[in-house]
Protein backbone atom coordinates (compact mmCIF):
# COMPACT_ATOMS: atom_id res chain seq x y z
CA MET A 1 0.00 0.00 0.00
CA ASN A 2 1.20 3.43 -0.71
CA MET A 3 1.06 6.45 1.62
CA ALA A 4 -2.16 7.90 0.13
CA HIS A 5 -4.10 4.70 0.81
CA SER A 6 -2.82 4.56 4.41
CA ILE A 7 -3.86 8.14 5.12
CA PHE A 8 -7.27 7.57 3.52
CA LEU A 9 -7.81 4.46 5.65
CA CYS A 10 -6.85 6.34 8.84
CA VAL A 11 -9.25 9.17 8.02
CA ILE A 12 -12.09 6.71 7.42
CA VAL A 13 -11.45 4.84 10.69
CA PHE A 14 -11.21 8.14 12.60
CA GLY A 15 -14.45 9.42 11.04
CA VAL A 16 -16.38 6.25 11.87
CA GLY A 17 -15.08 6.33 15.46
CA LEU A 18 -16.01 9.99 15.83
CA THR A 19 -19.52 9.37 14.49
CA TYR A 20 -20.01 6.44 16.87
CA CYS A 21 -18.83 8.43 19.89
CA SER A 22 -21.05 11.43 19.15
CA GLY A 23 -24.09 9.12 19.08
CA GLN A 24 -23.24 7.90 22.60
CA ASP A 25 -23.35 11.41 24.12
CA LYS A 26 -26.81 10.94 25.68
CA GLY A 27 -25.35 9.41 28.84
CA THR A 28 -23.72 12.67 29.93
CA GLU A 29 -26.88 14.75 30.29
CA ARG A 30 -26.97 17.02 33.32
CA CYS A 31 -30.64 17.25 34.13
CA ILE A 32 -32.01 18.57 37.40
CA CYS A 33 -34.69 15.89 37.61
CA SER A 34 -33.62 12.27 37.65
CA GLY A 35 -35.89 9.28 37.96
CA ASN A 36 -39.67 9.44 37.73
CA PRO A 37 -41.26 12.87 38.18
CA MET A 38 -44.47 13.35 40.19
CA LYS A 39 -47.74 13.40 38.25
CA SER A 40 -49.33 16.01 40.50
CA VAL A 41 -48.87 17.92 43.74
CA ARG A 42 -51.59 19.38 45.95
CA PRO A 43 -51.87 23.05 45.00
CA ASN A 44 -52.24 24.22 48.61
CA ARG A 45 -48.79 22.79 49.39
CA LEU A 46 -46.99 24.70 46.60
CA LEU A 47 -44.75 27.65 47.32
CA THR A 48 -43.00 28.24 43.97
CA THR A 49 -42.69 26.66 40.53
CA LYS A 50 -39.75 26.94 38.16
CA THR A 51 -39.65 25.69 34.60
CA PHE A 52 -36.46 24.84 32.76
CA PRO A 53 -36.68 24.53 28.97
CA ALA A 54 -34.72 21.96 27.01
CA SER A 55 -31.11 23.01 26.53
CA ALA A 56 -27.76 21.71 25.38
CA PHE A 57 -27.19 20.14 28.80
CA CYS A 58 -30.58 18.46 29.14
CA THR A 59 -32.93 17.61 26.29
CA LYS A 60 -36.04 17.44 28.52
CA ILE A 61 -38.36 20.17 29.76
CA GLU A 62 -38.23 20.19 33.56
CA ILE A 63 -40.62 21.62 36.14
CA VAL A 64 -39.30 21.97 39.69
CA VAL A 65 -41.80 22.82 42.42
CA THR A 66 -40.90 23.93 45.92
CA LEU A 67 -43.30 22.92 48.66
CA LYS A 68 -44.09 25.06 51.69
CA THR A 69 -41.98 22.64 53.73
CA GLY A 70 -38.92 23.56 51.61
CA LYS A 71 -38.76 20.23 49.79
CA LYS A 72 -38.15 20.38 46.02
CA LEU A 73 -39.90 17.95 43.69
CA CYS A 74 -39.93 17.39 39.95
CA LEU A 75 -43.28 17.53 38.18
CA ASP A 76 -44.08 15.64 34.99
CA PRO A 77 -44.41 18.17 32.12
CA HIS A 78 -46.62 15.70 30.20
CA GLY A 79 -49.12 15.32 33.07
CA ARG A 80 -52.24 17.44 33.43
CA GLN A 81 -50.81 19.68 36.13
CA GLY A 82 -47.51 20.07 34.29
CA LYS A 83 -49.25 21.06 31.08
CA ARG A 84 -51.29 23.62 33.01
CA ILE A 85 -48.13 25.17 34.43
CA LEU A 86 -46.45 25.28 31.03
CA SER A 87 -49.43 26.87 29.31
CA LYS A 88 -50.13 29.20 32.28
CA LYS A 89 -53.84 29.17 31.54
CA ARG A 90 -54.86 28.86 35.16
CA PRO A 91 -52.79 29.50 38.27
CA LEU A 92 -52.16 26.44 40.42
CA THR A 93 -52.28 28.10 43.80
CA ARG A 94 -55.75 28.64 45.09
CA GLY A 95 -56.55 32.06 46.40
CA LYS A 96 -59.17 32.76 49.01
CA ALA A 97 -62.64 32.28 47.67
CA ARG A 98 -64.56 35.44 47.01
CA LYS A 99 -67.39 35.83 49.38
CA GLY A 100 -70.33 37.08 47.43
CA LYS A 101 -73.76 38.06 48.56
CA ARG A 102 -75.35 34.87 47.48
CA GLY A 103 -78.87 34.33 48.64
CA GLN A 104 -79.26 37.81 50.03
CA LYS A 105 -81.95 40.12 48.76
CA LYS A 106 -81.03 43.45 47.21
CA ARG A 107 -81.88 46.42 49.37
CA ARG A 108 -83.68 49.20 47.64
CA ASN A 109 -83.52 52.73 48.78
CA PHE A 110 -86.88 54.43 48.69
CA GLY A 111 -87.01 57.97 49.57
């Protein structure tokens, strides 16, 4: 074999090895949430919610909730509560119920 064939063979072997190694990169993700996330959390126990979009370090969307006890949990972004947080259609924390004048008659001022 001449020198050109040897160099070409080395470049091919190096390229195949590089392609194989770049496909194995999924094992080095640095996600905040590991394991199985919670499907839901009671809204009256929530203190804060933080969402982390997919990035170069982690390919998953992550939702981290902090409970009033200080404990941090991961919430499933594909669950009903997670989708509600991501879309921000309705707030999760319940405020005090409005006290209306239900069942009371209207007072009329005559005079």
